[in-house]
Amino acid sequence: MSEKVILVIYGRGGHQEQMRRLLIQLRKASPDMKFVSIADVPDKLGSLKHLECPEPRDKFAKWGSPFKLCYAASVSLVQCFRLTKQFNISGIVSTGPGMAVLPSIFFRLLGKHVVYIESWSRFFTGSLTGHVMYRVSHSFYVQNRSMSKVFPKAEYAGRL
């Protein structure tokens, strides 16, 4: 368990593609980098261990969301405990889905570095997850310059 790994959290679609591109860059900079992942899709990125987590809210149905949130939070906490028993998590990186919030708070309380990258599809308003993670993360990145007005302390990093 002494080997350090990074926890990456991403969702389906654009979140997954952004993580794929980020991991390509990280592997170039650090070929020995190892990571574990949590996502709402099967692993296609080559993680040491992949855990699937349900999306914490349904963007299109308001009535089921509180129940879905409680279930997803429970699953997420169990997964975080499992990962801490198996791996020495050095930090967490997320490319945007809401399922990243609880693990980010969990690992931040354990003293781990939390990095959040706001979605590349955001130009004028921040996502709900982005507004929460702006307060939770140590490092917060935006991919569009216009988002610097929404998140003034964010670092502009360009598109992945």
C-alpha atoms as a PDB file:
ATOM      1  CA  MET A   1       0.000   0.000   0.000  1.00  0.00           C
ATOM      2  CA  SER A   2       3.005   2.339   0.058  1.00  0.00           C
ATOM      3  CA  GLU A   3       2.870   3.085  -3.668  1.00  0.00           C
ATOM      4  CA  LYS A   4       1.100   6.400  -4.270  1.00  0.00           C
ATOM      5  CA  VAL A   5      -1.770   6.563  -6.727  1.00  0.00           C
ATOM      6  CA  ILE A   6      -4.081   9.307  -7.924  1.00  0.00           C
ATOM      7  CA  LEU A   7      -7.854   8.955  -7.762  1.00  0.00           C
ATOM      8  CA  VAL A   8      -9.571  10.224 -10.904  1.00  0.00           C
ATOM      9  CA  ILE A   9     -13.321  10.811 -11.050  1.00  0.00           C
ATOM     10  CA  TYR A  10     -15.189  11.377 -14.273  1.00  0.00           C
ATOM     11  CA  GLY A  11     -18.595  10.820 -15.813  1.00  0.00           C
ATOM     12  CA  ARG A  12     -19.922   9.736 -19.134  1.00  0.00           C
ATOM     13  CA  GLY A  13     -19.521  11.627 -22.395  1.00  0.00           C
ATOM     14  CA  GLY A  14     -17.473  14.809 -22.339  1.00  0.00           C
ATOM     15  CA  HIS A  15     -16.249  14.269 -18.771  1.00  0.00           C
ATOM     16  CA  GLN A  16     -14.738  10.938 -19.798  1.00  0.00           C
ATOM     17  CA  GLU A  17     -13.142  12.414 -22.907  1.00  0.00           C
ATOM     18  CA  GLN A  18     -11.609  15.263 -20.886  1.00  0.00           C
ATOM     19  CA  MET A  19     -10.169  12.752 -18.400  1.00  0.00           C
ATOM     20  CA  ARG A  20      -8.795  10.617 -21.220  1.00  0.00           C
ATOM     21  CA  ARG A  21      -6.981  13.633 -22.662  1.00  0.00           C
ATOM     22  CA  LEU A  22      -5.716  14.710 -19.240  1.00  0.00           C
ATOM     23  CA  LEU A  23      -4.336  11.236 -18.506  1.00  0.00           C
ATOM     24  CA  ILE A  24      -2.467  11.224 -21.821  1.00  0.00           C
ATOM     25  CA  GLN A  25      -0.729  14.452 -20.772  1.00  0.00           C
ATOM     26  CA  LEU A  26      -0.044  13.216 -17.236  1.00  0.00           C
ATOM     27  CA  ARG A  27       1.452   9.966 -18.519  1.00  0.00           C
ATOM     28  CA  LYS A  28       3.767  11.919 -20.813  1.00  0.00           C
ATOM     29  CA  ALA A  29       4.993  13.974 -17.863  1.00  0.00           C
ATOM     30  CA  SER A  30       5.154  11.000 -15.479  1.00  0.00           C
ATOM     31  CA  PRO A  31       5.214   7.619 -17.279  1.00  0.00           C
ATOM     32  CA  ASP A  32       5.141   5.687 -13.985  1.00  0.00           C
ATOM     33  CA  MET A  33       1.988   7.431 -12.765  1.00  0.00           C
ATOM     34  CA  LYS A  34      -0.671   5.063 -11.490  1.00  0.00           C
ATOM     35  CA  PHE A  35      -4.319   5.821 -10.865  1.00  0.00           C
ATOM     36  CA  VAL A  36      -7.575   4.371  -9.652  1.00  0.00           C
ATOM     37  CA  SER A  37     -10.932   5.629 -10.847  1.00  0.00           C
ATOM     38  CA  ILE A  38     -14.561   6.197  -9.975  1.00  0.00           C
ATOM     39  CA  ALA A  39     -17.050   6.803 -12.781  1.00  0.00           C
ATOM     40  CA  ASP A  40     -20.599   6.060 -13.858  1.00  0.00           C
ATOM     41  CA  VAL A  41     -19.311   4.155 -16.893  1.00  0.00           C
ATOM     42  CA  PRO A  42     -17.075   1.072 -17.292  1.00  0.00           C
ATOM     43  CA  ASP A  43     -13.313   1.708 -17.264  1.00  0.00           C
ATOM     44  CA  LYS A  44     -11.696   2.338 -20.632  1.00  0.00           C
ATOM     45  CA  LEU A  45      -8.761   4.374 -19.332  1.00  0.00           C
ATOM     46  CA  GLY A  46      -6.590   1.640 -17.800  1.00  0.00           C
ATOM     47  CA  SER A  47      -6.906   2.252 -14.061  1.00  0.00           C
ATOM     48  CA  LEU A  48      -5.440  -0.094 -11.447  1.00  0.00           C
ATOM     49  CA  LYS A  49      -8.917  -0.404  -9.956  1.00  0.00           C
ATOM     50  CA  HIS A  50     -12.169   1.016 -11.237  1.00  0.00           C
ATOM     51  CA  LEU A  51     -15.330   1.484  -9.201  1.00  0.00           C
ATOM     52  CA  GLU A  52     -18.648   2.358 -10.783  1.00  0.00           C
ATOM     53  CA  CYS A  53     -20.787   4.854  -8.922  1.00  0.00           C
ATOM     54  CA  PRO A  54     -24.309   5.999  -9.765  1.00  0.00           C
ATOM     55  CA  GLU A  55     -24.774   9.615 -10.787  1.00  0.00           C
ATOM     56  CA  PRO A  56     -25.991  11.464  -7.655  1.00  0.00           C
ATOM     57  CA  ARG A  57     -28.829  13.304  -9.346  1.00  0.00           C
ATOM     58  CA  ASP A  58     -31.091  13.023 -12.336  1.00  0.00           C
ATOM     59  CA  LYS A  59     -30.840  16.282 -14.239  1.00  0.00           C
ATOM     60  CA  PHE A  60     -34.249  15.713 -15.835  1.00  0.00           C
ATOM     61  CA  ALA A  61     -36.386  14.329 -12.973  1.00  0.00           C
ATOM     62  CA  LYS A  62     -36.802  16.413  -9.845  1.00  0.00           C
ATOM     63  CA  TRP A  63     -38.840  14.029  -7.651  1.00  0.00           C
ATOM     64  CA  GLY A  64     -36.462  11.074  -7.585  1.00  0.00           C
ATOM     65  CA  SER A  65     -33.334  13.125  -7.075  1.00  0.00           C
ATOM     66  CA  PRO A  66     -33.273  13.233  -3.228  1.00  0.00           C
ATOM     67  CA  PHE A  67     -33.490   9.432  -3.054  1.00  0.00           C
ATOM     68  CA  LYS A  68     -30.927   9.000  -5.783  1.00  0.00           C
ATOM     69  CA  LEU A  69     -28.608  11.440  -3.995  1.00  0.00           C
ATOM     70  CA  CYS A  70     -28.796   9.489  -0.703  1.00  0.00           C
ATOM     71  CA  TYR A  71     -28.126   6.193  -2.474  1.00  0.00           C
ATOM     72  CA  ALA A  72     -25.218   7.586  -4.513  1.00  0.00           C
ATOM     73  CA  ALA A  73     -23.705   9.222  -1.401  1.00  0.00           C
ATOM     74  CA  SER A  74     -23.797   5.909   0.469  1.00  0.00           C
ATOM     75  CA  VAL A  75     -22.189   4.033  -2.419  1.00  0.00           C
ATOM     76  CA  SER A  76     -19.565   6.766  -2.808  1.00  0.00           C
ATOM     77  CA  LEU A  77     -18.565   6.705   0.872  1.00  0.00           C
ATOM     78  CA  VAL A  78     -18.191   2.924   0.854  1.00  0.00           C
ATOM     79  CA  GLN A  79     -16.022   3.173  -2.263  1.00  0.00           C
ATOM     80  CA  CYS A  80     -13.814   5.825  -0.646  1.00  0.00           C
ATOM     81  CA  PHE A  81     -13.239   3.619   2.398  1.00  0.00           C
ATOM     82  CA  ARG A  82     -12.384   0.658   0.160  1.00  0.00           C
ATOM     83  CA  LEU A  83      -9.891   2.689  -1.817  1.00  0.00           C
ATOM     84  CA  THR A  84      -8.151   4.007   1.307  1.00  0.00           C
ATOM     85  CA  LYS A  85      -7.720   0.429   2.567  1.00  0.00           C
ATOM     86  CA  GLN A  86      -6.235  -0.779  -0.729  1.00  0.00           C
ATOM     87  CA  PHE A  87      -4.239   2.204  -1.990  1.00  0.00           C
ATOM     88  CA  ASN A  88      -2.181   5.144  -0.806  1.00  0.00           C
ATOM     89  CA  ILE A  89      -4.221   7.881  -2.506  1.00  0.00           C
ATOM     90  CA  SER A  90      -2.020  10.964  -2.914  1.00  0.00           C
ATOM     91  CA  GLY A  91      -4.626  13.210  -4.513  1.00  0.00           C
ATOM     92  CA  ILE A  92      -7.844  13.408  -6.446  1.00  0.00           C
ATOM     93  CA  VAL A  93      -8.565  14.862  -9.890  1.00  0.00           C
ATOM     94  CA  SER A  94     -12.032  15.329 -11.340  1.00  0.00           C
ATOM     95  CA  THR A  95     -13.284  16.579 -14.673  1.00  0.00           C
ATOM     96  CA  GLY A  96     -16.699  17.591 -13.578  1.00  0.00           C
ATOM     97  CA  PRO A  97     -19.460  15.207 -12.554  1.00  0.00           C
ATOM     98  CA  GLY A  98     -21.434  15.665  -9.349  1.00  0.00           C
ATOM     99  CA  MET A  99     -20.268  12.282  -8.080  1.00  0.00           C
ATOM    100  CA  ALA A 100     -16.879  13.933  -7.348  1.00  0.00           C
ATOM    101  CA  VAL A 101     -18.150  16.152  -4.528  1.00  0.00           C
ATOM    102  CA  LEU A 102     -18.388  13.659  -1.671  1.00  0.00           C
ATOM    103  CA  PRO A 103     -15.099  11.830  -2.426  1.00  0.00           C
ATOM    104  CA  SER A 104     -13.391  15.228  -2.735  1.00  0.00           C
ATOM    105  CA  ILE A 105     -14.619  16.294   0.690  1.00  0.00           C
ATOM    106  CA  PHE A 106     -13.675  12.883   2.119  1.00  0.00           C
ATOM    107  CA  PHE A 107     -10.120  12.967   0.775  1.00  0.00           C
ATOM    108  CA  ARG A 108      -9.629  16.645   1.573  1.00  0.00           C
ATOM    109  CA  LEU A 109     -10.460  15.857   5.209  1.00  0.00           C
ATOM    110  CA  LEU A 110      -7.740  13.195   5.010  1.00  0.00           C
ATOM    111  CA  GLY A 111      -5.270  15.866   3.880  1.00  0.00           C
ATOM    112  CA  LYS A 112      -5.116  14.867   0.207  1.00  0.00           C
ATOM    113  CA  HIS A 113      -4.768  17.407  -2.595  1.00  0.00           C
ATOM    114  CA  VAL A 114      -8.003  17.965  -4.550  1.00  0.00           C
ATOM    115  CA  VAL A 115      -7.941  19.208  -8.163  1.00  0.00           C
ATOM    116  CA  TYR A 116     -11.089  20.095 -10.081  1.00  0.00           C
ATOM    117  CA  ILE A 117     -11.363  20.949 -13.774  1.00  0.00           C
ATOM    118  CA  GLU A 118     -14.590  22.688 -14.804  1.00  0.00           C
ATOM    119  CA  SER A 119     -16.128  21.277 -17.964  1.00  0.00           C
ATOM    120  CA  TRP A 120     -15.037  22.613 -21.340  1.00  0.00           C
ATOM    121  CA  SER A 121     -18.697  23.075 -22.231  1.00  0.00           C
ATOM    122  CA  ARG A 122     -19.034  25.956 -19.744  1.00  0.00           C
ATOM    123  CA  PHE A 123     -18.606  29.473 -21.130  1.00  0.00           C
ATOM    124  CA  PHE A 124     -20.807  31.844 -19.098  1.00  0.00           C
ATOM    125  CA  THR A 125     -22.193  29.987 -16.078  1.00  0.00           C
ATOM    126  CA  GLY A 126     -20.610  27.493 -13.741  1.00  0.00           C
ATOM    127  CA  SER A 127     -22.009  24.033 -13.191  1.00  0.00           C
ATOM    128  CA  LEU A 128     -23.642  23.144  -9.875  1.00  0.00           C
ATOM    129  CA  THR A 129     -20.697  20.843  -9.155  1.00  0.00           C
ATOM    130  CA  GLY A 130     -18.272  23.596 -10.147  1.00  0.00           C
ATOM    131  CA  HIS A 131     -19.742  26.026  -7.627  1.00  0.00           C
ATOM    132  CA  VAL A 132     -19.381  23.445  -4.833  1.00  0.00           C
ATOM    133  CA  MET A 133     -15.918  22.292  -5.894  1.00  0.00           C
ATOM    134  CA  TYR A 134     -14.695  25.894  -6.135  1.00  0.00           C
ATOM    135  CA  ARG A 135     -14.899  25.906  -2.333  1.00  0.00           C
ATOM    136  CA  VAL A 136     -13.739  22.310  -1.766  1.00  0.00           C
ATOM    137  CA  SER A 137     -10.765  21.952  -4.121  1.00  0.00           C
ATOM    138  CA  HIS A 138      -7.203  23.115  -3.579  1.00  0.00           C
ATOM    139  CA  SER A 139      -6.697  23.725  -7.307  1.00  0.00           C
ATOM    140  CA  PHE A 140      -9.559  24.788  -9.562  1.00  0.00           C
ATOM    141  CA  TYR A 141      -9.094  25.066 -13.341  1.00  0.00           C
ATOM    142  CA  VAL A 142     -11.304  26.467 -16.079  1.00  0.00           C
ATOM    143  CA  GLN A 143     -10.936  25.657 -19.762  1.00  0.00           C
ATOM    144  CA  ASN A 144     -12.493  28.829 -21.179  1.00  0.00           C
ATOM    145  CA  ARG A 145     -11.212  32.325 -20.367  1.00  0.00           C
ATOM    146  CA  SER A 146     -14.752  33.675 -19.955  1.00  0.00           C
ATOM    147  CA  MET A 147     -15.180  31.410 -16.898  1.00  0.00           C
ATOM    148  CA  SER A 148     -12.562  33.450 -15.022  1.00  0.00           C
ATOM    149  CA  LYS A 149     -15.346  35.988 -14.398  1.00  0.00           C
ATOM    150  CA  VAL A 150     -17.512  33.303 -12.771  1.00  0.00           C
ATOM    151  CA  PHE A 151     -14.634  31.781 -10.772  1.00  0.00           C
ATOM    152  CA  PRO A 152     -12.156  34.648 -10.154  1.00  0.00           C
ATOM    153  CA  LYS A 153      -9.621  32.536  -8.234  1.00  0.00           C
ATOM    154  CA  ALA A 154      -9.633  29.771 -10.842  1.00  0.00           C
ATOM    155  CA  GLU A 155      -6.621  29.150 -13.018  1.00  0.00           C
ATOM    156  CA  TYR A 156      -7.159  29.262 -16.770  1.00  0.00           C
ATOM    157  CA  ALA A 157      -5.513  26.175 -18.267  1.00  0.00           C
ATOM    158  CA  GLY A 158      -6.852  26.101 -21.821  1.00  0.00           C
ATOM    159  CA  ARG A 159      -8.757  23.241 -23.381  1.00  0.00           C
ATOM    160  CA  LEU A 160      -7.800  19.637 -22.826  1.00  0.00           C
END
